[in-house]
Protein backbone atom coordinates (compact mmCIF):
# COMPACT_ATOMS: atom_id res chain seq x y z
CA UNK A 1 -0.80 116.65 22.47
CA UNK A 2 -4.05 116.89 20.48
CA UNK A 3 -6.98 118.14 22.56
CA UNK A 4 -9.71 117.96 19.93
CA UNK A 5 -10.49 118.06 16.22
CA UNK A 6 -13.57 119.63 14.64
CA UNK A 7 -15.01 118.60 11.27
CA UNK A 8 -17.54 120.55 9.22
CA UNK A 9 -20.30 118.20 8.06
CA UNK A 10 -23.18 118.42 5.61
CA UNK A 11 -25.35 116.72 8.26
CA UNK A 12 -23.77 116.58 11.75
CA UNK A 13 -26.45 114.20 13.09
CA UNK A 14 -25.82 111.76 10.21
CA UNK A 15 -22.05 112.04 10.73
CA UNK A 16 -22.40 111.46 14.50
CA UNK A 17 -24.57 108.39 13.87
CA UNK A 18 -21.98 107.07 11.39
CA UNK A 19 -19.02 107.53 13.77
CA UNK A 20 -20.83 106.03 16.76
CA UNK A 21 -21.97 103.00 14.72
CA UNK A 22 -18.80 102.31 12.78
CA UNK A 23 -16.33 103.07 15.59
CA UNK A 24 -18.35 101.57 18.46
CA UNK A 25 -15.67 98.89 18.91
CA UNK A 26 -13.25 101.70 19.82
CA UNK A 27 -15.59 103.05 22.49
CA UNK A 28 -16.70 106.06 20.42
CA UNK A 29 -19.95 107.56 21.68
CA UNK A 30 -21.71 110.91 21.87
CA UNK A 31 -20.28 112.84 24.82
CA UNK A 32 -21.88 116.27 24.33
CA UNK A 33 -24.34 118.04 22.08
CA UNK A 34 -24.95 121.75 21.61
CA UNK A 35 -27.99 122.76 19.57
CA UNK A 36 -27.40 126.02 17.70
CA UNK A 37 -29.58 127.91 15.22
CA UNK A 38 -27.32 126.76 12.34
CA UNK A 39 -27.48 123.12 13.47
CA UNK A 40 -26.26 120.66 16.06
CA UNK A 41 -22.64 120.50 17.17
CA UNK A 42 -21.87 117.02 18.46
CA UNK A 43 -18.84 116.11 20.57
CA UNK A 44 -17.76 112.47 20.35
CA UNK A 45 -15.64 110.87 23.02
CA UNK A 46 -13.94 107.60 23.66
CA UNK A 47 -13.52 105.55 26.80
CA UNK A 48 -12.40 108.62 28.78
CA UNK A 49 -15.68 110.42 27.95
CA UNK A 50 -13.89 113.61 26.81
CA UNK A 51 -15.20 115.05 23.51
CA UNK A 52 -12.09 114.85 21.32
CA UNK A 53 -13.91 114.83 17.95
CA UNK A 54 -16.47 117.54 17.18
CA UNK A 55 -18.91 117.43 14.28
CA UNK A 56 -20.68 120.62 13.29
CA UNK A 57 -22.47 122.24 10.35
CA UNK A 58 -20.55 123.38 7.30
CA UNK A 59 -19.52 127.00 7.35
CA UNK A 60 -17.17 126.70 4.37
CA UNK A 61 -18.37 124.81 1.29
CA UNK A 62 -14.88 124.40 -0.17
CA UNK A 63 -13.55 120.87 -0.82
CA UNK A 64 -11.44 120.09 2.23
CA UNK A 65 -11.50 116.42 3.23
CA UNK A 66 -9.15 115.60 6.07
CA UNK A 67 -7.58 112.47 7.50
CA UNK A 68 -8.61 111.34 10.99
CA UNK A 69 -7.06 108.34 12.76
CA UNK A 70 -8.81 106.79 15.77
CA UNK A 71 -6.94 104.51 18.17
CA UNK A 72 -7.96 100.86 18.38
CA UNK A 73 -6.86 98.80 21.37
CA UNK A 74 -6.44 95.62 19.30
CA UNK A 75 -6.42 94.19 15.79
CA UNK A 76 -9.80 92.67 16.58
CA UNK A 77 -11.14 96.19 17.15
CA UNK A 78 -9.76 97.24 13.73
CA UNK A 79 -11.62 94.29 12.18
CA UNK A 80 -14.80 95.22 14.07
CA UNK A 81 -14.59 98.76 12.64
CA UNK A 82 -14.11 97.31 9.17
CA UNK A 83 -17.13 95.02 9.57
CA UNK A 84 -19.28 97.90 10.87
CA UNK A 85 -18.17 100.16 8.01
CA UNK A 86 -19.02 97.50 5.42
CA UNK A 87 -22.42 96.94 7.08
CA UNK A 88 -22.97 100.71 7.01
CA UNK A 89 -22.18 100.88 3.29
CA UNK A 90 -19.05 103.00 3.78
CA UNK A 91 -16.42 103.12 1.06
CA UNK A 92 -13.42 101.06 2.19
CA UNK A 93 -10.21 102.71 1.02
CA UNK A 94 -7.84 100.04 2.39
CA UNK A 95 -8.78 96.72 4.00
CA UNK A 96 -7.28 95.96 7.45
CA UNK A 97 -3.61 95.06 7.17
CA UNK A 98 -0.12 95.80 8.45
CA UNK A 99 1.44 99.03 7.20
CA UNK A 100 5.19 98.40 7.75
CA UNK A 101 6.06 101.59 5.88
CA UNK A 102 4.68 103.48 8.94
CA UNK A 103 6.24 101.14 11.53
CA UNK A 104 6.40 97.34 11.89
CA UNK A 105 3.38 97.02 14.21
CA UNK A 106 1.05 99.52 12.47
CA UNK A 107 -2.26 97.74 11.72
CA UNK A 108 -5.12 99.75 10.23
CA UNK A 109 -8.23 100.03 8.09
CA UNK A 110 -9.04 103.18 6.08
CA UNK A 111 -12.53 104.28 5.00
CA UNK A 112 -14.59 107.31 3.96
CA UNK A 113 -17.07 109.01 6.27
CA UNK A 114 -20.32 110.52 4.93
CA UNK A 115 -18.53 113.82 4.14
CA UNK A 116 -15.70 112.19 2.16
CA UNK A 117 -13.04 112.34 4.87
CA UNK A 118 -10.41 109.60 5.04
CA UNK A 119 -10.92 107.96 8.45
CA UNK A 120 -8.70 105.27 9.92
CA UNK A 121 -8.86 102.85 12.83
CA UNK A 122 -5.30 101.99 13.87
CA UNK A 123 -3.71 99.63 16.36
CA UNK A 124 -0.04 100.13 17.23
CA UNK A 125 2.06 97.23 18.45
CA UNK A 126 5.65 97.91 19.40
CA UNK A 127 7.99 94.99 20.04
CA UNK A 128 7.24 91.77 21.88
C-alpha cells in the first residue's frame, strides 16, 4: 500500500550515509539522487531497487520526528542492524527482542537516526 515516504533532514547526505550503513543488512542502498539548489534529495531502495524512502533538506524547522519501520528478512538481519547502529554511535531505543504486544512473531530493534526519528528494523514470523 505504501509507495514511498519522505523525511526532511538537516543533512540529507549524512542521513543517506547513516541509513545505507546501518540498514545494509536489509539491502538498503542509494537508488536515486537529485541535486537541487536547496540540497540533495536522495532516494533509498531495498532489494527491488525502487526508491521507497526519500531524504531531502528541511523545509520546515518544526519538531516533527516520525517512526519508520524497515522490513528485515530474518532475526539475524535485525541483529546486524543493531550491531551496525551501535558501531555508528546511534542511540538504541530498544534492543532486539520479541514484541508480543504487536503479534507473537514480531522481532525488532528501535533506534534514532541523525535527525531524531525513531527507526525500526522488524522481522515478522507468523506461525510454524
